[in-house]
C-alpha atoms as a PDB file:
ATOM      1  CA  MET A   1       0.585 -12.646 -18.602  1.00  0.00           C
ATOM      2  CA  LEU A   2       0.741 -13.698 -14.972  1.00  0.00           C
ATOM      3  CA  LEU A   3      -1.844 -11.057 -14.135  1.00  0.00           C
ATOM      4  CA  LEU A   4      -4.180 -12.461 -16.802  1.00  0.00           C
ATOM      5  CA  ARG A   5      -3.858 -15.944 -15.362  1.00  0.00           C
ATOM      6  CA  ILE A   6      -4.609 -14.705 -11.862  1.00  0.00           C
ATOM      7  CA  ILE A   7      -7.655 -12.800 -13.115  1.00  0.00           C
ATOM      8  CA  GLY A   8      -8.805 -15.868 -15.051  1.00  0.00           C
ATOM      9  CA  ILE A   9      -8.536 -18.071 -11.982  1.00  0.00           C
ATOM     10  CA  LEU A  10     -10.436 -15.542  -9.862  1.00  0.00           C
ATOM     11  CA  VAL A  11     -13.164 -15.273 -12.504  1.00  0.00           C
ATOM     12  CA  ALA A  12     -13.490 -19.058 -12.682  1.00  0.00           C
ATOM     13  CA  ILE A  13     -13.750 -19.291  -8.895  1.00  0.00           C
ATOM     14  CA  THR A  14     -16.347 -16.510  -8.783  1.00  0.00           C
ATOM     15  CA  VAL A  15     -18.510 -17.941 -11.557  1.00  0.00           C
ATOM     16  CA  GLY A  16     -18.241 -21.471 -10.189  1.00  0.00           C
ATOM     17  CA  SER A  17     -19.133 -20.461  -6.656  1.00  0.00           C
ATOM     18  CA  SER A  18     -22.045 -18.356  -7.926  1.00  0.00           C
ATOM     19  CA  VAL A  19     -23.451 -21.293  -9.876  1.00  0.00           C
ATOM     20  CA  ILE A  20     -23.043 -23.592  -6.874  1.00  0.00           C
ATOM     21  CA  ALA A  21     -24.747 -21.005  -4.648  1.00  0.00           C
ATOM     22  CA  TRP A  22     -27.598 -20.820  -7.163  1.00  0.00           C
ATOM     23  CA  LEU A  23     -27.940 -24.600  -7.153  1.00  0.00           C
ATOM     24  CA  PHE A  24     -28.338 -24.608  -3.376  1.00  0.00           C
ATOM     25  CA  THR A  25     -30.542 -21.528  -2.951  1.00  0.00           C
ATOM     26  CA  ARG A  26     -32.310 -21.159  -6.331  1.00  0.00           C
ATOM     27  CA  ASP A  27     -31.848 -17.394  -5.919  1.00  0.00           C
ATOM     28  CA  SER A  28     -31.465 -15.811  -9.356  1.00  0.00           C
ATOM     29  CA  ARG A  29     -29.141 -13.046  -8.150  1.00  0.00           C
ATOM     30  CA  TYR A  30     -26.287 -15.560  -8.153  1.00  0.00           C
ATOM     31  CA  LEU A  31     -26.843 -16.298 -11.835  1.00  0.00           C
ATOM     32  CA  VAL A  32     -26.976 -12.561 -12.536  1.00  0.00           C
ATOM     33  CA  LEU A  33     -23.653 -12.152 -10.724  1.00  0.00           C
ATOM     34  CA  ALA A  34     -22.103 -15.015 -12.694  1.00  0.00           C
ATOM     35  CA  GLY A  35     -23.332 -13.494 -15.961  1.00  0.00           C
ATOM     36  CA  ARG A  36     -22.000 -10.038 -15.139  1.00  0.00           C
ATOM     37  CA  VAL A  37     -18.609 -11.373 -14.097  1.00  0.00           C
ATOM     38  CA  SER A  38     -18.418 -13.504 -17.251  1.00  0.00           C
ATOM     39  CA  LYS A  39     -19.333 -10.584 -19.510  1.00  0.00           C
ATOM     40  CA  GLY A  40     -16.840  -8.318 -17.777  1.00  0.00           C
ATOM     41  CA  ALA A  41     -14.065 -10.892 -18.027  1.00  0.00           C
ATOM     42  CA  LEU A  42     -14.837 -11.462 -21.712  1.00  0.00           C
ATOM     43  CA  PHE A  43     -14.729  -7.716 -22.387  1.00  0.00           C
ATOM     44  CA  VAL A  44     -11.397  -7.324 -20.577  1.00  0.00           C
ATOM     45  CA  ALA A  45      -9.910 -10.330 -22.402  1.00  0.00           C
ATOM     46  CA  LEU A  46     -11.009  -8.987 -25.791  1.00  0.00           C
ATOM     47  CA  ALA A  47      -9.630  -5.534 -24.978  1.00  0.00           C
ATOM     48  CA  ILE A  48      -6.264  -7.020 -24.024  1.00  0.00           C
ATOM     49  CA  LEU A  49      -6.175  -9.136 -27.185  1.00  0.00           C
ATOM     50  CA  VAL A  50      -6.941  -6.069 -29.320  1.00  0.00           C
ATOM     51  CA  LEU A  51      -4.157  -4.143 -27.602  1.00  0.00           C
ATOM     52  CA  MET A  52      -1.721  -7.014 -28.155  1.00  0.00           C
ATOM     53  CA  ALA A  53      -2.681  -7.208 -31.837  1.00  0.00           C
ATOM     54  CA  ALA A  54      -2.275  -3.442 -32.192  1.00  0.00           C
ATOM     55  CA  GLU A  55       1.158  -3.690 -30.605  1.00  0.00           C
ATOM     56  CA  ARG A  56       2.162  -6.336 -33.159  1.00  0.00           C
ATOM     57  CA  LEU A  57       0.920  -4.164 -36.018  1.00  0.00           C
ATOM     58  CA  ILE A  58       2.800  -1.130 -34.752  1.00  0.00           C
ATOM     59  CA  ILE A  59       6.040  -3.106 -34.480  1.00  0.00           C
ATOM     60  CA  LEU A  60       5.741  -4.236 -38.110  1.00  0.00           C
END
């Protein structure tokens, strides 16, 4: 769980800094980066939740 928190903090920093960089430069590549990082983080979080749910079902 500590690893998930660290990854979450890093994702938040990356997305936040990308949005701030976009606000200053108006370069769309920063928004693309923020979107890709967000989608990747969402996919990883969902995969971990599915694995945790599967683990609970196997234990039952």
